[in-house]
Structures are given as C-alpha cells and as structure tokens.
Protein backbone atom coordinates (compact mmCIF):
# COMPACT_ATOMS: atom_id res chain seq x y z
CA MET A 1 0.03 -0.17 -0.25
CA SER A 2 1.44 3.28 -0.72
CA PHE A 3 1.37 6.45 1.15
CA GLN A 4 0.08 9.63 -0.28
CA LYS A 5 0.30 13.06 0.85
CA HIS A 6 -2.61 15.20 0.44
CA GLN A 7 -2.10 18.80 1.07
CA LEU A 8 -4.62 21.52 0.83
CA PRO A 9 -4.13 24.24 -1.70
CA LEU A 10 -2.74 27.47 -0.28
CA ARG A 11 -4.89 30.47 -1.62
CA LEU A 12 -3.73 33.85 -0.21
CA THR A 13 -4.58 37.25 -1.47
CA LEU A 14 -2.37 39.96 -0.35
CA ASN A 15 -3.61 43.40 1.01
CA GLU A 16 -2.22 46.52 0.90
CA SER A 17 0.54 46.84 4.01
CA LYS A 18 0.55 49.68 5.89
CA HIS A 19 4.08 49.20 6.91
CA PHE A 20 5.28 49.30 3.09
CA VAL A 21 3.16 52.77 2.56
CA HIS A 22 4.89 54.23 5.47
CA LEU A 23 8.34 52.76 4.32
CA ILE A 24 7.72 54.45 1.15
CA ALA A 25 6.48 57.80 2.29
CA CYS A 26 9.65 57.70 4.81
CA ILE A 27 12.14 57.18 2.20
CA HIS A 28 10.34 59.93 -0.20
CA THR A 29 10.47 62.30 2.98
CA LEU A 30 14.15 61.76 3.30
CA ALA A 31 14.81 62.19 -0.18
CA LEU A 32 13.11 65.56 -0.15
CA VAL A 33 14.80 66.54 2.95
CA ALA A 34 18.03 65.90 1.35
CA SER A 35 17.35 67.74 -1.72
CA LEU A 36 16.59 70.75 0.42
CA LEU A 37 19.62 70.65 2.55
CA ASN A 38 22.12 70.45 -0.55
CA ASN A 39 24.21 73.17 -1.96
CA LEU A 40 22.81 73.09 -5.36
CA PRO A 41 21.13 76.26 -6.98
CA ILE A 42 17.25 76.99 -5.93
CA SER A 43 16.00 76.08 -9.29
CA LEU A 44 17.57 72.66 -9.27
CA LYS A 45 16.20 72.02 -5.66
CA GLY A 46 12.92 72.82 -6.91
CA LEU A 47 13.14 70.62 -9.78
CA LEU A 48 14.57 67.85 -7.69
CA LEU A 49 11.47 68.36 -5.47
CA LEU A 50 9.10 68.26 -8.07
CA ALA A 51 10.64 64.95 -9.29
CA ILE A 52 10.71 63.29 -6.10
CA THR A 53 6.93 64.23 -5.57
CA CYS A 54 5.93 63.01 -9.11
CA HIS A 55 7.74 59.88 -8.36
CA TYR A 56 6.11 59.55 -4.92
CA TYR A 57 2.54 59.89 -6.57
CA ILE A 58 3.19 57.77 -9.67
CA TYR A 59 4.61 55.09 -7.53
CA SER A 60 1.87 55.02 -4.90
CA THR A 61 -0.83 55.26 -7.71
CA ARG A 62 0.62 52.09 -9.61
CA GLN A 63 0.94 50.32 -5.89
CA LYS A 64 -2.58 50.83 -5.54
CA ALA A 65 -3.69 49.31 -8.61
CA LYS A 66 -1.53 46.01 -8.13
CA HIS A 67 -3.67 43.24 -6.69
CA TYR A 68 -1.45 39.89 -6.00
CA ARG A 69 -2.71 36.48 -5.42
CA LEU A 70 -0.29 33.75 -4.26
CA GLU A 71 -1.37 29.91 -4.37
CA TYR A 72 0.23 26.54 -3.77
CA ASN A 73 -1.21 23.51 -5.21
CA GLU A 74 -0.68 20.19 -7.04
CA ILE A 75 1.08 22.24 -9.82
CA GLY A 76 3.27 23.99 -7.50
CA TRP A 77 3.77 27.65 -6.59
CA GLN A 78 1.57 30.30 -8.39
CA LEU A 79 1.56 34.06 -8.34
CA ALA A 80 -0.87 36.27 -9.95
CA GLU A 81 -0.93 39.81 -10.70
CA ASN A 82 -3.89 41.15 -11.41
CA ASP A 83 -5.50 37.95 -11.99
CA GLU A 84 -3.05 36.60 -14.46
CA PHE A 85 -1.69 33.36 -13.03
CA LEU A 86 2.17 32.34 -13.51
CA THR A 87 3.89 29.19 -12.06
CA ILE A 88 6.91 30.59 -10.36
CA GLU A 89 9.94 28.62 -8.85
CA ILE A 90 10.83 29.92 -5.17
CA LEU A 91 14.52 30.61 -5.33
CA PRO A 92 16.52 29.63 -2.01
CA SER A 93 17.63 33.49 -1.73
CA THR A 94 14.17 33.91 -0.41
CA VAL A 95 14.37 35.50 3.48
CA VAL A 96 11.59 34.96 5.57
CA SER A 97 11.25 36.85 9.15
CA ARG A 98 8.57 37.71 11.13
CA MET A 99 8.50 41.32 9.85
CA ALA A 100 8.30 40.58 5.98
CA ILE A 101 9.14 37.78 3.50
CA PHE A 102 11.20 38.66 0.71
CA LEU A 103 10.13 36.30 -2.08
CA HIS A 104 12.64 35.77 -4.59
CA TYR A 105 11.26 33.55 -7.70
CA LYS A 106 11.41 32.74 -11.12
CA THR A 107 9.44 32.41 -14.27
CA GLU A 108 9.75 31.49 -17.88
CA HIS A 109 10.05 35.11 -18.93
CA LYS A 110 12.32 36.44 -16.19
CA PRO A 111 15.10 34.47 -14.28
CA ILE A 112 14.89 36.87 -10.94
CA ASN A 113 12.00 38.56 -9.37
CA ALA A 114 11.38 39.70 -6.06
CA LEU A 115 8.07 40.48 -3.98
CA VAL A 116 8.14 41.62 -0.43
CA ILE A 117 5.31 40.41 1.81
CA PHE A 118 5.09 42.58 4.94
CA ASN A 119 3.38 40.73 7.75
CA ASP A 120 0.30 43.16 7.81
CA ALA A 121 -0.63 42.47 4.33
CA LEU A 122 -2.01 39.01 5.34
CA VAL A 123 -3.95 37.84 8.64
CA ALA A 124 -1.73 37.00 11.25
CA ASP A 125 -2.81 33.26 10.88
CA ASP A 126 -2.44 33.00 6.96
CA TYR A 127 1.21 35.03 7.42
CA ARG A 128 2.28 32.44 9.61
CA TYR A 129 0.80 29.30 7.30
CA LEU A 130 2.44 30.91 4.61
CA ILE A 131 5.93 30.94 6.44
CA THR A 132 5.39 27.26 7.41
CA LYS A 133 4.62 26.26 3.70
CA LEU A 134 7.64 28.14 2.25
CA LYS A 135 9.84 26.45 4.98
CA ILE A 136 8.19 22.97 4.02
CA THR A 137 8.40 23.27 0.10
CA GLN A 138 12.11 24.50 0.13
CA SER A 139 13.24 21.57 2.34
CA ILE A 140 11.53 19.26 -0.28
CA HIS A 141 13.35 21.08 -3.31
CA LEU A 142 16.52 20.80 -1.51
C-alpha cells in the first residue's frame, strides 16, 4: 500500500500593507529633506523636489492598482498579478522573517523576480501558514 500526502491548496490574497506605505513615504520624505539641504541652486532644488513628489505620486498610484494572489497546489507555486497566474519557482535566496518575507522567484519570462510581503499584508494566521509552507516546500526541493 502506498502512502500519499494530501495537502490542501494554499490560496492567499495579499492586501495593501500599511508598513510598506509608511516605508515608501519615509524614503520619499528623506529624499525631499536631502534635496532641500544640498548646496544646489534654488532652481535645481525645485526640480528635484518636483521630481521626487511626482515619483511618489506615480509609484503610490501604481502600487494601489496592483493586486497579488499567491497559491500553492499540486502544480506548485503560482503568483497572480491582477488575475494573471504564472507558475513560479521559489529561489533559495528567499528571506523569511517575522516582519516580512522577501520572496525571490523565477518564471519562464524572467530569471529573477522579487516580491516583499509584509506581515500586515495578510491575516496573522495566514502569514504564519505561508512561512510554514515556504519552509516545507523549500526543504522538499533541496
């Protein structure tokens, strides 16, 4: 008699992370302060301030438009960005911590991709389950 492992599929929808929003706002604020404190002429300072502000606005609107879903099933890991699923391979360089998961993966089209998943982007139980599933599936592939 053969023993088969039956695993329930993992389906997670990544929500907008407040930690990520605050980090991006902090980085842009520091860039604005650095632009004000440099010794460039006023006109160049103004251009830098305008460029940083425009970049923040464009980046934040793009991030709000992105919706990620992460699944693990009999096929393997799959990632959907705006409902287009791609089969991915999780790379060993993926870093898992209590604060965030730095997910490194590859697809057919791109050899290296990265996705940061902060702990507040998922419900606490889902985040812990994702960490466990990543560790289990990585130990199987090694």
